[in-house]
Amino acid sequence: MKFWISLIGYQCVWFVAVIGAGHGLAWPGISAMSVYVLWQLSVSRQRHADLLLICTALVAGCMLDGALLNTGLLRYEAMSPLGMLPPLWILALWVSFALTFTQSLRYLQTRLPIASLLGAIGGPLAYLGAARGWQVVTFAHPLWLDLLWLAVGWGLVTPLLAWLAGYWSRTPAADFIQLRGPLS
């Protein structure tokens, strides 16, 4: 059951974020992401892994989408008030996507080539769907160049998140949090 709720929950966040951005609003995506994150963390047996994945995905999202934004390869609706950073609705999608690696996409933790292939195909298709169906992403020309960069980026980030999810899920939380510092 957790598998389906994770998968469907992520898809709901995607639609809410994209539709909200289509109306020039970031808050619907942020709100949907917040509900999804709270649910995922409430049922998670490896919260420390999920929290680390969220942080990693935010950095990856800022790097990948930020690079595409700042090079002019992509333009987004409902732009971020932070200028050079990707819009908040895109970052909400990155956070939500990260949490699927300990639930619905858990099987990718040990299948990194498949994770890379799925990322290289699924990432660009998600952006293309947002661009064609909802007009919230605008590609520069030529389109193939944007899709190629997205495929490379997502082909690298997806297996990285999958591997980290597996690694951090097997590592006890106590290893991440030192209760006593060196000066204690």
Protein backbone atom coordinates (compact mmCIF):
# COMPACT_ATOMS: atom_id res chain seq x y z
CA MET A 1 0.00 0.00 0.00
CA LYS A 2 2.86 2.40 0.82
CA PHE A 3 4.21 1.80 -2.69
CA TRP A 4 1.02 3.02 -4.36
CA ILE A 5 0.50 5.96 -2.02
CA SER A 6 4.08 7.05 -2.65
CA LEU A 7 3.75 6.73 -6.41
CA ILE A 8 0.32 8.35 -6.68
CA GLY A 9 1.25 10.99 -4.11
CA TYR A 10 4.27 12.06 -6.13
CA GLN A 11 2.19 12.25 -9.31
CA CYS A 12 -0.40 14.38 -7.50
CA VAL A 13 2.33 16.76 -6.35
CA TRP A 14 3.59 16.98 -9.95
CA PHE A 15 0.15 17.88 -11.31
CA VAL A 16 -0.64 20.36 -8.54
CA ALA A 17 2.76 22.07 -8.94
CA VAL A 18 2.52 22.26 -12.72
CA ILE A 19 -1.09 23.44 -12.78
CA GLY A 20 -0.31 26.02 -10.08
CA ALA A 21 2.70 27.25 -12.05
CA GLY A 22 0.44 27.49 -15.10
CA HIS A 23 -1.55 30.06 -13.14
CA GLY A 24 1.62 31.85 -12.05
CA LEU A 25 1.51 30.41 -8.54
CA ALA A 26 4.18 28.48 -6.68
CA TRP A 27 2.23 27.91 -3.44
CA PRO A 28 0.00 25.06 -4.69
CA GLY A 29 3.07 22.95 -5.48
CA ILE A 30 4.74 23.86 -2.20
CA SER A 31 1.54 23.00 -0.28
CA ALA A 32 1.13 19.66 -2.06
CA MET A 33 4.80 18.87 -1.47
CA SER A 34 4.42 19.70 2.23
CA VAL A 35 1.51 17.29 2.63
CA TYR A 36 3.40 14.59 0.71
CA VAL A 37 6.59 15.08 2.76
CA LEU A 38 4.70 14.97 6.05
CA TRP A 39 2.95 11.77 5.03
CA GLN A 40 6.14 10.14 3.74
CA LEU A 41 8.08 11.01 6.88
CA SER A 42 5.24 9.79 9.11
CA VAL A 43 5.35 6.28 7.57
CA SER A 44 9.09 6.13 6.92
CA ARG A 45 11.30 3.67 8.75
CA GLN A 46 14.41 5.55 7.65
CA ARG A 47 13.66 9.23 8.26
CA HIS A 48 17.34 10.10 8.39
CA ALA A 49 17.79 8.76 4.85
CA ASP A 50 14.71 10.65 3.65
CA LEU A 51 15.91 13.91 5.17
CA LEU A 52 19.36 13.52 3.63
CA LEU A 53 17.76 12.70 0.27
CA ILE A 54 15.67 15.88 0.49
CA CYS A 55 18.80 17.95 1.06
CA THR A 56 20.68 16.19 -1.75
CA ALA A 57 17.78 16.61 -4.17
CA LEU A 58 17.50 20.32 -3.37
CA VAL A 59 21.18 20.78 -4.18
CA ALA A 60 20.87 18.67 -7.36
CA GLY A 61 17.76 20.59 -8.41
CA CYS A 62 19.44 23.94 -7.84
CA MET A 63 22.43 22.77 -9.86
CA LEU A 64 20.63 21.09 -12.79
CA ASP A 65 17.63 23.37 -13.19
CA GLY A 66 19.68 26.40 -12.16
CA ALA A 67 22.24 25.67 -14.86
CA LEU A 68 19.55 25.23 -17.52
CA LEU A 69 17.80 28.40 -16.36
CA ASN A 70 20.94 30.52 -16.18
CA THR A 71 22.23 29.38 -19.58
CA GLY A 72 18.90 30.26 -21.14
CA LEU A 73 18.09 26.69 -22.17
CA LEU A 74 14.88 26.69 -20.09
CA ARG A 75 12.47 29.31 -18.84
CA TYR A 76 9.86 28.65 -16.17
CA GLU A 77 6.51 30.11 -15.23
CA ALA A 78 6.04 31.26 -11.65
CA MET A 79 9.70 32.21 -11.41
CA SER A 80 11.56 32.17 -8.13
CA PRO A 81 11.86 35.40 -6.19
CA LEU A 82 15.48 34.35 -5.71
CA GLY A 83 16.40 35.17 -9.30
CA MET A 84 19.09 32.74 -10.37
CA LEU A 85 17.61 29.75 -8.54
CA PRO A 86 14.93 27.54 -10.06
CA PRO A 87 11.36 28.39 -9.12
CA LEU A 88 10.05 27.08 -5.83
CA TRP A 89 7.50 24.83 -7.53
CA ILE A 90 10.36 23.04 -9.35
CA LEU A 91 12.27 22.61 -6.09
CA ALA A 92 9.08 21.21 -4.51
CA LEU A 93 9.09 18.56 -7.25
CA TRP A 94 12.72 17.71 -6.52
CA VAL A 95 11.95 17.24 -2.82
CA SER A 96 8.96 15.03 -3.61
CA PHE A 97 10.90 13.01 -6.17
CA ALA A 98 13.67 12.34 -3.64
CA LEU A 99 11.24 10.70 -1.25
CA THR A 100 10.15 8.12 -3.80
CA PHE A 101 13.54 6.38 -3.54
CA THR A 102 12.77 4.88 -0.14
CA GLN A 103 9.24 3.86 -1.11
CA SER A 104 7.91 3.45 -4.67
CA LEU A 105 11.29 3.58 -6.44
CA ARG A 106 13.10 1.52 -3.79
CA TYR A 107 13.83 -1.24 -6.34
CA LEU A 108 16.16 1.17 -8.17
CA GLN A 109 18.55 1.22 -5.20
CA THR A 110 20.21 -1.94 -6.52
CA ARG A 111 19.52 -1.37 -10.22
CA LEU A 112 21.55 1.74 -11.01
CA PRO A 113 21.79 1.23 -14.80
CA ILE A 114 18.00 0.99 -14.93
CA ALA A 115 17.77 4.08 -12.71
CA SER A 116 20.03 5.95 -15.13
CA LEU A 117 17.98 4.88 -18.14
CA LEU A 118 14.69 5.77 -16.46
CA GLY A 119 16.08 9.14 -15.41
CA ALA A 120 17.45 9.88 -18.88
CA ILE A 121 14.06 9.13 -20.43
CA GLY A 122 11.59 10.13 -17.70
CA GLY A 123 13.22 13.43 -16.72
CA PRO A 124 13.06 15.02 -20.17
CA LEU A 125 9.56 13.60 -20.75
CA ALA A 126 8.30 15.25 -17.55
CA TYR A 127 9.68 18.62 -18.67
CA LEU A 128 8.29 18.11 -22.16
CA GLY A 129 4.87 17.29 -20.68
CA ALA A 130 5.01 20.43 -18.55
CA ALA A 131 5.98 22.46 -21.62
CA ARG A 132 3.53 21.03 -24.12
CA GLY A 133 0.56 20.27 -21.90
CA TRP A 134 0.71 23.17 -19.45
CA GLN A 135 3.10 25.74 -20.98
CA VAL A 136 4.99 26.19 -17.68
CA VAL A 137 8.40 25.38 -19.17
CA THR A 138 9.73 27.05 -22.29
CA PHE A 139 12.61 25.47 -24.16
CA ALA A 140 15.25 27.36 -26.10
CA HIS A 141 15.95 26.33 -29.65
CA PRO A 142 16.95 23.76 -30.73
CA LEU A 143 14.71 21.59 -28.55
CA TRP A 144 16.94 18.53 -28.93
CA LEU A 145 19.77 20.33 -27.11
CA ASP A 146 17.58 21.01 -24.07
CA LEU A 147 16.32 17.45 -24.05
CA LEU A 148 19.88 16.14 -24.35
CA TRP A 149 21.05 18.19 -21.35
CA LEU A 150 18.02 17.08 -19.35
CA ALA A 151 18.69 13.44 -20.28
CA VAL A 152 22.33 13.70 -19.20
CA GLY A 153 21.46 15.48 -15.96
CA TRP A 154 18.62 13.17 -14.98
CA GLY A 155 20.60 10.14 -16.17
CA LEU A 156 23.23 11.05 -13.56
CA VAL A 157 21.05 12.35 -10.72
CA THR A 158 18.53 9.49 -10.68
CA PRO A 159 21.03 6.68 -10.01
CA LEU A 160 22.85 8.93 -7.53
CA LEU A 161 19.66 9.45 -5.52
CA ALA A 162 18.84 5.73 -5.78
CA TRP A 163 22.29 4.71 -4.56
CA LEU A 164 22.27 7.24 -1.72
CA ALA A 165 18.81 6.08 -0.66
CA GLY A 166 20.09 2.51 -0.40
CA TYR A 167 23.28 3.49 1.36
CA TRP A 168 21.60 5.81 3.86
CA SER A 169 18.76 3.35 4.47
CA ARG A 170 21.29 0.71 5.54
CA THR A 171 23.25 3.12 7.74
CA PRO A 172 21.90 3.53 11.29
CA ALA A 173 20.69 7.02 12.15
CA ALA A 174 23.09 7.14 15.08
CA ASP A 175 26.00 7.14 12.64
CA PHE A 176 24.75 10.46 11.26
CA ILE A 177 24.15 12.16 14.58
CA GLN A 178 26.94 12.30 17.10
CA LEU A 179 25.35 12.77 20.49
CA ARG A 180 28.64 13.82 22.04
CA GLY A 181 31.02 16.13 20.27
CA PRO A 182 34.82 15.87 20.48
CA LEU A 183 34.93 18.52 23.21
CA SER A 184 32.28 16.88 25.41
